[in-house]
Amino acid sequence: MISLIYSPFPSFKSAKVAARRLITAHLAACVNITKSRSIYEWKGDLQDTSEYLLIAKTSLKRKKEAISLLNKTHPYELPCILSWNVSATPEFEKWVNENTSRRKIY
């Protein structure tokens, strides 16, 4: 099992900064950023905005730290940070665990 972390960002730049922080701190083995459209209500107003989805692949052991880093540095007032554990091929799971086993202070 590995963990996926999902979090939308307001710009590609802010998502890329977060992705690089996760990777350099060895809190994620890989991060994908993709453009999306979000429609939601915020403080009584209907929002229809472009966002950038960050999807990080991390180990079960580093999930809490990765979420903490995202929460501390996210530009949104109330960031959406979701995670779930998923099955992966044994080889991919090993790669994720190896790439998140080194600790770095962030």
PDB file of N, CA and C in Angstrom:
ATOM      1  N   MET A   1       0.833  -1.193   0.000  1.00  0.00           N
ATOM      2  CA  MET A   1       0.000   0.000   0.000  1.00  0.00           C
ATOM      3  C   MET A   1       0.877   1.256   0.000  1.00  0.00           C
ATOM      4  N   ILE A   2       0.394   2.256  -0.715  1.00  0.00           N
ATOM      5  CA  ILE A   2       0.979   3.592  -0.671  1.00  0.00           C
ATOM      6  C   ILE A   2      -0.166   4.564  -0.400  1.00  0.00           C
ATOM      7  N   SER A   3       0.165   5.815  -0.254  1.00  0.00           N
ATOM      8  CA  SER A   3      -0.862   6.823  -0.030  1.00  0.00           C
ATOM      9  C   SER A   3      -0.821   7.857  -1.145  1.00  0.00           C
ATOM     10  N   LEU A   4      -2.004   8.289  -1.572  1.00  0.00           N
ATOM     11  CA  LEU A   4      -2.136   9.397  -2.510  1.00  0.00           C
ATOM     12  C   LEU A   4      -2.659  10.598  -1.744  1.00  0.00           C
ATOM     13  N   ILE A   5      -2.105  11.744  -2.038  1.00  0.00           N
ATOM     14  CA  ILE A   5      -2.568  12.994  -1.438  1.00  0.00           C
ATOM     15  C   ILE A   5      -3.019  13.903  -2.574  1.00  0.00           C
ATOM     16  N   TYR A   6      -4.201  14.445  -2.421  1.00  0.00           N
ATOM     17  CA  TYR A   6      -4.836  15.279  -3.444  1.00  0.00           C
ATOM     18  C   TYR A   6      -5.058  16.662  -2.858  1.00  0.00           C
ATOM     19  N   SER A   7      -4.637  17.693  -3.587  1.00  0.00           N
ATOM     20  CA  SER A   7      -4.869  19.052  -3.102  1.00  0.00           C
ATOM     21  C   SER A   7      -4.878  20.032  -4.273  1.00  0.00           C
ATOM     22  N   PRO A   8      -5.959  20.787  -4.455  1.00  0.00           N
ATOM     23  CA  PRO A   8      -5.994  21.801  -5.511  1.00  0.00           C
ATOM     24  C   PRO A   8      -5.297  23.093  -5.073  1.00  0.00           C
ATOM     25  N   PHE A   9      -4.657  23.748  -6.044  1.00  0.00           N
ATOM     26  CA  PHE A   9      -3.936  25.005  -5.818  1.00  0.00           C
ATOM     27  C   PHE A   9      -4.445  26.069  -6.782  1.00  0.00           C
ATOM     28  N   PRO A  10      -4.306  27.346  -6.414  1.00  0.00           N
ATOM     29  CA  PRO A  10      -4.826  28.418  -7.261  1.00  0.00           C
ATOM     30  C   PRO A  10      -4.003  28.693  -8.518  1.00  0.00           C
ATOM     31  N   SER A  11      -2.743  28.269  -8.531  1.00  0.00           N
ATOM     32  CA  SER A  11      -1.884  28.540  -9.688  1.00  0.00           C
ATOM     33  C   SER A  11      -0.900  27.394  -9.890  1.00  0.00           C
ATOM     34  N   PHE A  12      -0.395  27.303 -11.111  1.00  0.00           N
ATOM     35  CA  PHE A  12       0.618  26.292 -11.391  1.00  0.00           C
ATOM     36  C   PHE A  12       1.854  26.552 -10.535  1.00  0.00           C
ATOM     37  N   LYS A  13       2.220  27.826 -10.407  1.00  0.00           N
ATOM     38  CA  LYS A  13       3.416  28.187  -9.636  1.00  0.00           C
ATOM     39  C   LYS A  13       3.312  27.710  -8.188  1.00  0.00           C
ATOM     40  N   SER A  14       2.176  27.959  -7.537  1.00  0.00           N
ATOM     41  CA  SER A  14       2.040  27.553  -6.130  1.00  0.00           C
ATOM     42  C   SER A  14       2.016  26.029  -5.990  1.00  0.00           C
ATOM     43  N   ALA A  15       1.421  25.331  -6.950  1.00  0.00           N
ATOM     44  CA  ALA A  15       1.422  23.865  -6.916  1.00  0.00           C
ATOM     45  C   ALA A  15       2.833  23.324  -7.128  1.00  0.00           C
ATOM     46  N   LYS A  16       3.578  23.951  -8.026  1.00  0.00           N
ATOM     47  CA  LYS A  16       4.950  23.511  -8.307  1.00  0.00           C
ATOM     48  C   LYS A  16       5.858  23.729  -7.098  1.00  0.00           C
ATOM     49  N   VAL A  17       5.690  24.851  -6.417  1.00  0.00           N
ATOM     50  CA  VAL A  17       6.472  25.110  -5.199  1.00  0.00           C
ATOM     51  C   VAL A  17       6.194  24.018  -4.170  1.00  0.00           C
ATOM     52  N   ALA A  18       4.932  23.692  -3.964  1.00  0.00           N
ATOM     53  CA  ALA A  18       4.562  22.643  -3.003  1.00  0.00           C
ATOM     54  C   ALA A  18       5.119  21.290  -3.431  1.00  0.00           C
ATOM     55  N   ALA A  19       5.035  20.982  -4.717  1.00  0.00           N
ATOM     56  CA  ALA A  19       5.551  19.708  -5.227  1.00  0.00           C
ATOM     57  C   ALA A  19       7.049  19.592  -4.977  1.00  0.00           C
ATOM     58  N   ARG A  20       7.773  20.641  -5.270  1.00  0.00           N
ATOM     59  CA  ARG A  20       9.229  20.614  -5.061  1.00  0.00           C
ATOM     60  C   ARG A  20       9.582  20.465  -3.580  1.00  0.00           C
ATOM     61  N   ARG A  21       8.816  21.105  -2.720  1.00  0.00           N
ATOM     62  CA  ARG A  21       9.054  20.957  -1.271  1.00  0.00           C
ATOM     63  C   ARG A  21       8.841  19.515  -0.835  1.00  0.00           C
ATOM     64  N   LEU A  22       7.772  18.905  -1.311  1.00  0.00           N
ATOM     65  CA  LEU A  22       7.491  17.508  -0.953  1.00  0.00           C
ATOM     66  C   LEU A  22       8.602  16.581  -1.435  1.00  0.00           C
ATOM     67  N   ILE A  23       9.064  16.790  -2.661  1.00  0.00           N
ATOM     68  CA  ILE A  23      10.097  15.920  -3.232  1.00  0.00           C
ATOM     69  C   ILE A  23      11.438  16.134  -2.533  1.00  0.00           C
ATOM     70  N   THR A  24      11.854  17.383  -2.361  1.00  0.00           N
ATOM     71  CA  THR A  24      13.170  17.623  -1.759  1.00  0.00           C
ATOM     72  C   THR A  24      13.226  17.218  -0.292  1.00  0.00           C
ATOM     73  N   ALA A  25      12.083  17.220   0.386  1.00  0.00           N
ATOM     74  CA  ALA A  25      12.029  16.762   1.779  1.00  0.00           C
ATOM     75  C   ALA A  25      11.819  15.251   1.873  1.00  0.00           C
ATOM     76  N   HIS A  26      11.765  14.586   0.732  1.00  0.00           N
ATOM     77  CA  HIS A  26      11.534  13.132   0.656  1.00  0.00           C
ATOM     78  C   HIS A  26      10.215  12.734   1.315  1.00  0.00           C
ATOM     79  N   LEU A  27       9.228  13.624   1.208  1.00  0.00           N
ATOM     80  CA  LEU A  27       7.898  13.328   1.736  1.00  0.00           C
ATOM     81  C   LEU A  27       6.980  12.771   0.656  1.00  0.00           C
ATOM     82  N   ALA A  28       7.418  12.838  -0.583  1.00  0.00           N
ATOM     83  CA  ALA A  28       6.696  12.232  -1.702  1.00  0.00           C
ATOM     84  C   ALA A  28       7.722  11.709  -2.693  1.00  0.00           C
ATOM     85  N   ALA A  29       7.380  10.616  -3.340  1.00  0.00           N
ATOM     86  CA  ALA A  29       8.269  10.049  -4.353  1.00  0.00           C
ATOM     87  C   ALA A  29       8.013  10.684  -5.712  1.00  0.00           C
ATOM     88  N   CYS A  30       6.786  11.097  -5.939  1.00  0.00           N
ATOM     89  CA  CYS A  30       6.391  11.664  -7.225  1.00  0.00           C
ATOM     90  C   CYS A  30       5.178  12.554  -7.002  1.00  0.00           C
ATOM     91  N   VAL A  31       5.114  13.638  -7.757  1.00  0.00           N
ATOM     92  CA  VAL A  31       3.966  14.542  -7.680  1.00  0.00           C
ATOM     93  C   VAL A  31       3.516  14.882  -9.099  1.00  0.00           C
ATOM     94  N   ASN A  32       2.232  14.767  -9.336  1.00  0.00           N
ATOM     95  CA  ASN A  32       1.643  15.184 -10.607  1.00  0.00           C
ATOM     96  C   ASN A  32       0.871  16.472 -10.383  1.00  0.00           C
ATOM     97  N   ILE A  33       0.918  17.348 -11.376  1.00  0.00           N
ATOM     98  CA  ILE A  33       0.143  18.588 -11.346  1.00  0.00           C
ATOM     99  C   ILE A  33      -0.652  18.646 -12.644  1.00  0.00           C
ATOM    100  N   THR A  34      -1.938  18.833 -12.517  1.00  0.00           N
ATOM    101  CA  THR A  34      -2.796  18.883 -13.693  1.00  0.00           C
ATOM    102  C   THR A  34      -3.815  20.010 -13.552  1.00  0.00           C
ATOM    103  N   LYS A  35      -4.147  20.640 -14.659  1.00  0.00           N
ATOM    104  CA  LYS A  35      -5.114  21.742 -14.641  1.00  0.00           C
ATOM    105  C   LYS A  35      -6.526  21.181 -14.515  1.00  0.00           C
ATOM    106  N   SER A  36      -7.357  21.891 -13.757  1.00  0.00           N
ATOM    107  CA  SER A  36      -8.741  21.441 -13.572  1.00  0.00           C
ATOM    108  C   SER A  36      -9.666  22.649 -13.430  1.00  0.00           C
ATOM    109  N   ARG A  37     -10.926  22.360 -13.367  1.00  0.00           N
ATOM    110  CA  ARG A  37     -11.957  23.383 -13.164  1.00  0.00           C
ATOM    111  C   ARG A  37     -12.716  23.026 -11.905  1.00  0.00           C
ATOM    112  N   SER A  38     -12.906  23.982 -11.011  1.00  0.00           N
ATOM    113  CA  SER A  38     -13.636  23.738  -9.768  1.00  0.00           C
ATOM    114  C   SER A  38     -14.837  24.668  -9.680  1.00  0.00           C
ATOM    115  N   ILE A  39     -15.958  24.096  -9.293  1.00  0.00           N
ATOM    116  CA  ILE A  39     -17.181  24.863  -9.078  1.00  0.00           C
ATOM    117  C   ILE A  39     -17.650  24.555  -7.661  1.00  0.00           C
ATOM    118  N   TYR A  40     -17.773  25.603  -6.853  1.00  0.00           N
ATOM    119  CA  TYR A  40     -18.132  25.422  -5.447  1.00  0.00           C
ATOM    120  C   TYR A  40     -18.674  26.735  -4.898  1.00  0.00           C
ATOM    121  N   GLU A  41     -19.272  26.668  -3.735  1.00  0.00           N
ATOM    122  CA  GLU A  41     -19.740  27.876  -3.071  1.00  0.00           C
ATOM    123  C   GLU A  41     -18.760  28.218  -1.955  1.00  0.00           C
ATOM    124  N   TRP A  42     -18.351  29.474  -1.897  1.00  0.00           N
ATOM    125  CA  TRP A  42     -17.427  29.935  -0.862  1.00  0.00           C
ATOM    126  C   TRP A  42     -17.935  31.253  -0.307  1.00  0.00           C
ATOM    127  N   LYS A  43     -18.218  31.251   0.982  1.00  0.00           N
ATOM    128  CA  LYS A  43     -18.713  32.435   1.688  1.00  0.00           C
ATOM    129  C   LYS A  43     -19.929  33.044   0.988  1.00  0.00           C
ATOM    130  N   GLY A  44     -20.837  32.163   0.548  1.00  0.00           N
ATOM    131  CA  GLY A  44     -22.092  32.601  -0.046  1.00  0.00           C
ATOM    132  C   GLY A  44     -22.062  32.910  -1.528  1.00  0.00           C
ATOM    133  N   ASP A  45     -20.887  32.857  -2.144  1.00  0.00           N
ATOM    134  CA  ASP A  45     -20.773  33.164  -3.572  1.00  0.00           C
ATOM    135  C   ASP A  45     -20.391  31.918  -4.360  1.00  0.00           C
ATOM    136  N   LEU A  46     -21.017  31.754  -5.515  1.00  0.00           N
ATOM    137  CA  LEU A  46     -20.681  30.645  -6.401  1.00  0.00           C
ATOM    138  C   LEU A  46     -19.347  30.931  -7.076  1.00  0.00           C
ATOM    139  N   GLN A  47     -18.437  29.999  -6.975  1.00  0.00           N
ATOM    140  CA  GLN A  47     -17.113  30.123  -7.574  1.00  0.00           C
ATOM    141  C   GLN A  47     -17.010  29.158  -8.757  1.00  0.00           C
ATOM    142  N   ASP A  48     -16.385  29.605  -9.820  1.00  0.00           N
ATOM    143  CA  ASP A  48     -16.128  28.785 -11.002  1.00  0.00           C
ATOM    144  C   ASP A  48     -14.719  29.155 -11.445  1.00  0.00           C
ATOM    145  N   THR A  49     -13.732  28.377 -10.994  1.00  0.00           N
ATOM    146  CA  THR A  49     -12.340  28.782 -11.159  1.00  0.00           C
ATOM    147  C   THR A  49     -11.470  27.676 -11.740  1.00  0.00           C
ATOM    148  N   SER A  50     -10.387  28.103 -12.367  1.00  0.00           N
ATOM    149  CA  SER A  50      -9.338  27.173 -12.780  1.00  0.00           C
ATOM    150  C   SER A  50      -8.462  26.906 -11.569  1.00  0.00           C
ATOM    151  N   GLU A  51      -8.091  25.666 -11.395  1.00  0.00           N
ATOM    152  CA  GLU A  51      -7.171  25.296 -10.321  1.00  0.00           C
ATOM    153  C   GLU A  51      -6.180  24.283 -10.871  1.00  0.00           C
ATOM    154  N   TYR A  52      -5.170  24.003 -10.077  1.00  0.00           N
ATOM    155  CA  TYR A  52      -4.160  23.010 -10.431  1.00  0.00           C
ATOM    156  C   TYR A  52      -4.149  21.946  -9.353  1.00  0.00           C
ATOM    157  N   LEU A  53      -4.443  20.718  -9.756  1.00  0.00           N
ATOM    158  CA  LEU A  53      -4.495  19.606  -8.812  1.00  0.00           C
ATOM    159  C   LEU A  53      -3.107  19.042  -8.586  1.00  0.00           C
ATOM    160  N   LEU A  54      -2.733  18.957  -7.344  1.00  0.00           N
ATOM    161  CA  LEU A  54      -1.496  18.305  -6.945  1.00  0.00           C
ATOM    162  C   LEU A  54      -1.877  16.914  -6.446  1.00  0.00           C
ATOM    163  N   ILE A  55      -1.256  15.897  -7.022  1.00  0.00           N
ATOM    164  CA  ILE A  55      -1.464  14.523  -6.569  1.00  0.00           C
ATOM    165  C   ILE A  55      -0.090  13.951  -6.240  1.00  0.00           C
ATOM    166  N   ALA A  56       0.124  13.682  -4.968  1.00  0.00           N
ATOM    167  CA  ALA A  56       1.417  13.183  -4.499  1.00  0.00           C
ATOM    168  C   ALA A  56       1.314  11.713  -4.141  1.00  0.00           C
ATOM    169  N   LYS A  57       2.361  10.961  -4.491  1.00  0.00           N
ATOM    170  CA  LYS A  57       2.459   9.559  -4.091  1.00  0.00           C
ATOM    171  C   LYS A  57       3.482   9.479  -2.975  1.00  0.00           C
ATOM    172  N   THR A  58       3.053   8.963  -1.835  1.00  0.00           N
ATOM    173  CA  THR A  58       3.938   8.880  -0.686  1.00  0.00           C
ATOM    174  C   THR A  58       3.761   7.548   0.025  1.00  0.00           C
ATOM    175  N   SER A  59       4.652   7.286   0.953  1.00  0.00           N
ATOM    176  CA  SER A  59       4.555   6.063   1.756  1.00  0.00           C
ATOM    177  C   SER A  59       3.558   6.287   2.891  1.00  0.00           C
ATOM    178  N   LEU A  60       3.055   5.199   3.418  1.00  0.00           N
ATOM    179  CA  LEU A  60       2.140   5.301   4.557  1.00  0.00           C
ATOM    180  C   LEU A  60       2.834   5.969   5.737  1.00  0.00           C
ATOM    181  N   LYS A  61       4.131   5.715   5.891  1.00  0.00           N
ATOM    182  CA  LYS A  61       4.887   6.276   7.018  1.00  0.00           C
ATOM    183  C   LYS A  61       5.059   7.792   6.924  1.00  0.00           C
ATOM    184  N   ARG A  62       5.104   8.332   5.714  1.00  0.00           N
ATOM    185  CA  ARG A  62       5.379   9.769   5.553  1.00  0.00           C
ATOM    186  C   ARG A  62       4.137  10.601   5.246  1.00  0.00           C
ATOM    187  N   LYS A  63       2.972   9.945   5.166  1.00  0.00           N
ATOM    188  CA  LYS A  63       1.736  10.631   4.791  1.00  0.00           C
ATOM    189  C   LYS A  63       1.420  11.807   5.721  1.00  0.00           C
ATOM    190  N   LYS A  64       1.465  11.603   7.018  1.00  0.00           N
ATOM    191  CA  LYS A  64       1.108  12.671   7.961  1.00  0.00           C
ATOM    192  C   LYS A  64       2.039  13.869   7.829  1.00  0.00           C
ATOM    193  N   GLU A  65       3.334  13.609   7.650  1.00  0.00           N
ATOM    194  CA  GLU A  65       4.298  14.699   7.489  1.00  0.00           C
ATOM    195  C   GLU A  65       4.047  15.470   6.195  1.00  0.00           C
ATOM    196  N   ALA A  66       3.734  14.741   5.133  1.00  0.00           N
ATOM    197  CA  ALA A  66       3.457  15.388   3.847  1.00  0.00           C
ATOM    198  C   ALA A  66       2.217  16.272   3.948  1.00  0.00           C
ATOM    199  N   ILE A  67       1.184  15.766   4.582  1.00  0.00           N
ATOM    200  CA  ILE A  67      -0.040  16.550   4.765  1.00  0.00           C
ATOM    201  C   ILE A  67       0.242  17.782   5.618  1.00  0.00           C
ATOM    202  N   SER A  68       1.031  17.624   6.656  1.00  0.00           N
ATOM    203  CA  SER A  68       1.386  18.746   7.526  1.00  0.00           C
ATOM    204  C   SER A  68       2.124  19.832   6.748  1.00  0.00           C
ATOM    205  N   LEU A  69       3.087  19.434   5.922  1.00  0.00           N
ATOM    206  CA  LEU A  69       3.829  20.412   5.123  1.00  0.00           C
ATOM    207  C   LEU A  69       2.888  21.150   4.176  1.00  0.00           C
ATOM    208  N   LEU A  70       2.003  20.432   3.506  1.00  0.00           N
ATOM    209  CA  LEU A  70       1.047  21.082   2.602  1.00  0.00           C
ATOM    210  C   LEU A  70       0.149  22.050   3.366  1.00  0.00           C
ATOM    211  N   ASN A  71      -0.333  21.631   4.499  1.00  0.00           N
ATOM    212  CA  ASN A  71      -1.243  22.465   5.284  1.00  0.00           C
ATOM    213  C   ASN A  71      -0.565  23.747   5.763  1.00  0.00           C
ATOM    214  N   LYS A  72       0.704  23.653   6.157  1.00  0.00           N
ATOM    215  CA  LYS A  72       1.439  24.822   6.655  1.00  0.00           C
ATOM    216  C   LYS A  72       1.759  25.826   5.553  1.00  0.00           C
ATOM    217  N   THR A  73       1.933  25.351   4.330  1.00  0.00           N
ATOM    218  CA  THR A  73       2.427  26.221   3.260  1.00  0.00           C
ATOM    219  C   THR A  73       1.397  26.507   2.173  1.00  0.00           C
ATOM    220  N   HIS A  74       0.203  25.954   2.285  1.00  0.00           N
ATOM    221  CA  HIS A  74      -0.819  26.112   1.244  1.00  0.00           C
ATOM    222  C   HIS A  74      -1.334  27.549   1.221  1.00  0.00           C
ATOM    223  N   PRO A  75      -1.533  28.123   0.033  1.00  0.00           N
ATOM    224  CA  PRO A  75      -1.980  29.516  -0.042  1.00  0.00           C
ATOM    225  C   PRO A  75      -3.463  29.743   0.277  1.00  0.00           C
ATOM    226  N   TYR A  76      -4.273  28.694   0.263  1.00  0.00           N
ATOM    227  CA  TYR A  76      -5.701  28.876   0.535  1.00  0.00           C
ATOM    228  C   TYR A  76      -5.972  29.036   2.029  1.00  0.00           C
ATOM    229  N   GLU A  77      -6.989  29.810   2.346  1.00  0.00           N
ATOM    230  CA  GLU A  77      -7.435  29.997   3.729  1.00  0.00           C
ATOM    231  C   GLU A  77      -7.881  28.661   4.336  1.00  0.00           C
ATOM    232  N   LEU A  78      -8.581  27.872   3.550  1.00  0.00           N
ATOM    233  CA  LEU A  78      -9.047  26.548   3.973  1.00  0.00           C
ATOM    234  C   LEU A  78      -8.678  25.544   2.877  1.00  0.00           C
ATOM    235  N   PRO A  79      -7.447  25.024   2.926  1.00  0.00           N
ATOM    236  CA  PRO A  79      -7.027  24.123   1.850  1.00  0.00           C
ATOM    237  C   PRO A  79      -7.744  22.774   1.894  1.00  0.00           C
ATOM    238  N   CYS A  80      -8.051  22.280   0.718  1.00  0.00           N
ATOM    239  CA  CYS A  80      -8.579  20.923   0.571  1.00  0.00           C
ATOM    240  C   CYS A  80      -7.372  20.001   0.452  1.00  0.00           C
ATOM    241  N   ILE A  81      -7.170  19.170   1.455  1.00  0.00           N
ATOM    242  CA  ILE A  81      -6.079  18.192   1.423  1.00  0.00           C
ATOM    243  C   ILE A  81      -6.699  16.850   1.774  1.00  0.00           C
ATOM    244  N   LEU A  82      -6.792  15.990   0.787  1.00  0.00           N
ATOM    245  CA  LEU A  82      -7.401  14.676   0.960  1.00  0.00           C
ATOM    246  C   LEU A  82      -6.349  13.600   0.760  1.00  0.00           C
ATOM    247  N   SER A  83      -6.514  12.474   1.436  1.00  0.00           N
ATOM    248  CA  SER A  83      -5.583  11.362   1.224  1.00  0.00           C
ATOM    249  C   SER A  83      -6.328  10.048   1.312  1.00  0.00           C
ATOM    250  N   TRP A  84      -5.791   9.080   0.636  1.00  0.00           N
ATOM    251  CA  TRP A  84      -6.319   7.725   0.734  1.00  0.00           C
ATOM    252  C   TRP A  84      -5.208   6.747   0.422  1.00  0.00           C
ATOM    253  N   ASN A  85      -5.332   5.577   1.015  1.00  0.00           N
ATOM    254  CA  ASN A  85      -4.362   4.511   0.804  1.00  0.00           C
ATOM    255  C   ASN A  85      -4.823   3.656  -0.363  1.00  0.00           C
ATOM    256  N   VAL A  86      -3.868   3.303  -1.219  1.00  0.00           N
ATOM    257  CA  VAL A  86      -4.189   2.539  -2.421  1.00  0.00           C
ATOM    258  C   VAL A  86      -3.190   1.403  -2.614  1.00  0.00           C
ATOM    259  N   SER A  87      -3.630   0.397  -3.316  1.00  0.00           N
ATOM    260  CA  SER A  87      -2.742  -0.701  -3.691  1.00  0.00           C
ATOM    261  C   SER A  87      -1.872  -0.249  -4.853  1.00  0.00           C
ATOM    262  N   ALA A  88      -0.677  -0.774  -4.899  1.00  0.00           N
ATOM    263  CA  ALA A  88       0.247  -0.496  -6.000  1.00  0.00           C
ATOM    264  C   ALA A  88       0.975  -1.788  -6.338  1.00  0.00           C
ATOM    265  N   THR A  89       1.593  -1.819  -7.499  1.00  0.00           N
ATOM    266  CA  THR A  89       2.402  -2.991  -7.816  1.00  0.00           C
ATOM    267  C   THR A  89       3.523  -3.072  -6.793  1.00  0.00           C
ATOM    268  N   PRO A  90       4.011  -4.257  -6.488  1.00  0.00           N
ATOM    269  CA  PRO A  90       5.095  -4.376  -5.505  1.00  0.00           C
ATOM    270  C   PRO A  90       6.316  -3.533  -5.877  1.00  0.00           C
ATOM    271  N   GLU A  91       6.628  -3.479  -7.153  1.00  0.00           N
ATOM    272  CA  GLU A  91       7.801  -2.715  -7.598  1.00  0.00           C
ATOM    273  C   GLU A  91       7.605  -1.214  -7.371  1.00  0.00           C
ATOM    274  N   PHE A  92       6.412  -0.722  -7.687  1.00  0.00           N
ATOM    275  CA  PHE A  92       6.147   0.708  -7.500  1.00  0.00           C
ATOM    276  C   PHE A  92       6.093   1.059  -6.019  1.00  0.00           C
ATOM    277  N   GLU A  93       5.472   0.209  -5.231  1.00  0.00           N
ATOM    278  CA  GLU A  93       5.420   0.437  -3.786  1.00  0.00           C
ATOM    279  C   GLU A  93       6.829   0.495  -3.201  1.00  0.00           C
ATOM    280  N   LYS A  94       7.693  -0.398  -3.645  1.00  0.00           N
ATOM    281  CA  LYS A  94       9.087  -0.406  -3.177  1.00  0.00           C
ATOM    282  C   LYS A  94       9.777   0.901  -3.556  1.00  0.00           C
ATOM    283  N   TRP A  95       9.568   1.350  -4.778  1.00  0.00           N
ATOM    284  CA  TRP A  95      10.182   2.589  -5.246  1.00  0.00           C
ATOM    285  C   TRP A  95       9.704   3.777  -4.407  1.00  0.00           C
ATOM    286  N   VAL A  96       8.408   3.852  -4.150  1.00  0.00           N
ATOM    287  CA  VAL A  96       7.859   4.941  -3.330  1.00  0.00           C
ATOM    288  C   VAL A  96       8.464   4.899  -1.931  1.00  0.00           C
ATOM    289  N   ASN A  97       8.501   3.720  -1.325  1.00  0.00           N
ATOM    290  CA  ASN A  97       9.056   3.593   0.026  1.00  0.00           C
ATOM    291  C   ASN A  97      10.534   3.962   0.073  1.00  0.00           C
ATOM    292  N   GLU A  98      11.299   3.546  -0.937  1.00  0.00           N
ATOM    293  CA  GLU A  98      12.726   3.893  -0.982  1.00  0.00           C
ATOM    294  C   GLU A  98      12.925   5.398  -1.125  1.00  0.00           C
ATOM    295  N   ASN A  99      12.108   6.035  -1.941  1.00  0.00           N
ATOM    296  CA  ASN A  99      12.275   7.462  -2.199  1.00  0.00           C
ATOM    297  C   ASN A  99      11.721   8.354  -1.098  1.00  0.00           C
ATOM    298  N   THR A 100      11.008   7.783  -0.164  1.00  0.00           N
ATOM    299  CA  THR A 100      10.500   8.571   0.966  1.00  0.00           C
ATOM    300  C   THR A 100      11.121   8.134   2.292  1.00  0.00           C
ATOM    301  N   SER A 101      12.081   7.227   2.234  1.00  0.00           N
ATOM    302  CA  SER A 101      12.679   6.723   3.477  1.00  0.00           C
ATOM    303  C   SER A 101      13.781   7.633   4.003  1.00  0.00           C
ATOM    304  N   ARG A 102      14.377   8.420   3.131  1.00  0.00           N
ATOM    305  CA  ARG A 102      15.415   9.352   3.578  1.00  0.00           C
ATOM    306  C   ARG A 102      14.751  10.552   4.225  1.00  0.00           C
ATOM    307  N   ARG A 103      15.223  10.942   5.367  1.00  0.00           N
ATOM    308  CA  ARG A 103      14.617  12.074   6.081  1.00  0.00           C
ATOM    309  C   ARG A 103      15.415  13.340   5.808  1.00  0.00           C
ATOM    310  N   LYS A 104      14.687  14.396   5.610  1.00  0.00           N
ATOM    311  CA  LYS A 104      15.300  15.700   5.426  1.00  0.00           C
ATOM    312  C   LYS A 104      14.471  16.706   6.211  1.00  0.00           C
ATOM    313  N   ILE A 105      15.123  17.615   6.868  1.00  0.00           N
ATOM    314  CA  ILE A 105      14.412  18.624   7.653  1.00  0.00           C
ATOM    315  C   ILE A 105      13.870  19.674   6.696  1.00  0.00           C
ATOM    316  N   TYR A 106      12.624  20.029   6.891  1.00  0.00           N
ATOM    317  CA  TYR A 106      11.972  21.032   6.031  1.00  0.00           C
ATOM    318  C   TYR A 106      11.421  22.157   6.855  1.00  0.00           C
TER     319      TYR A 106
END
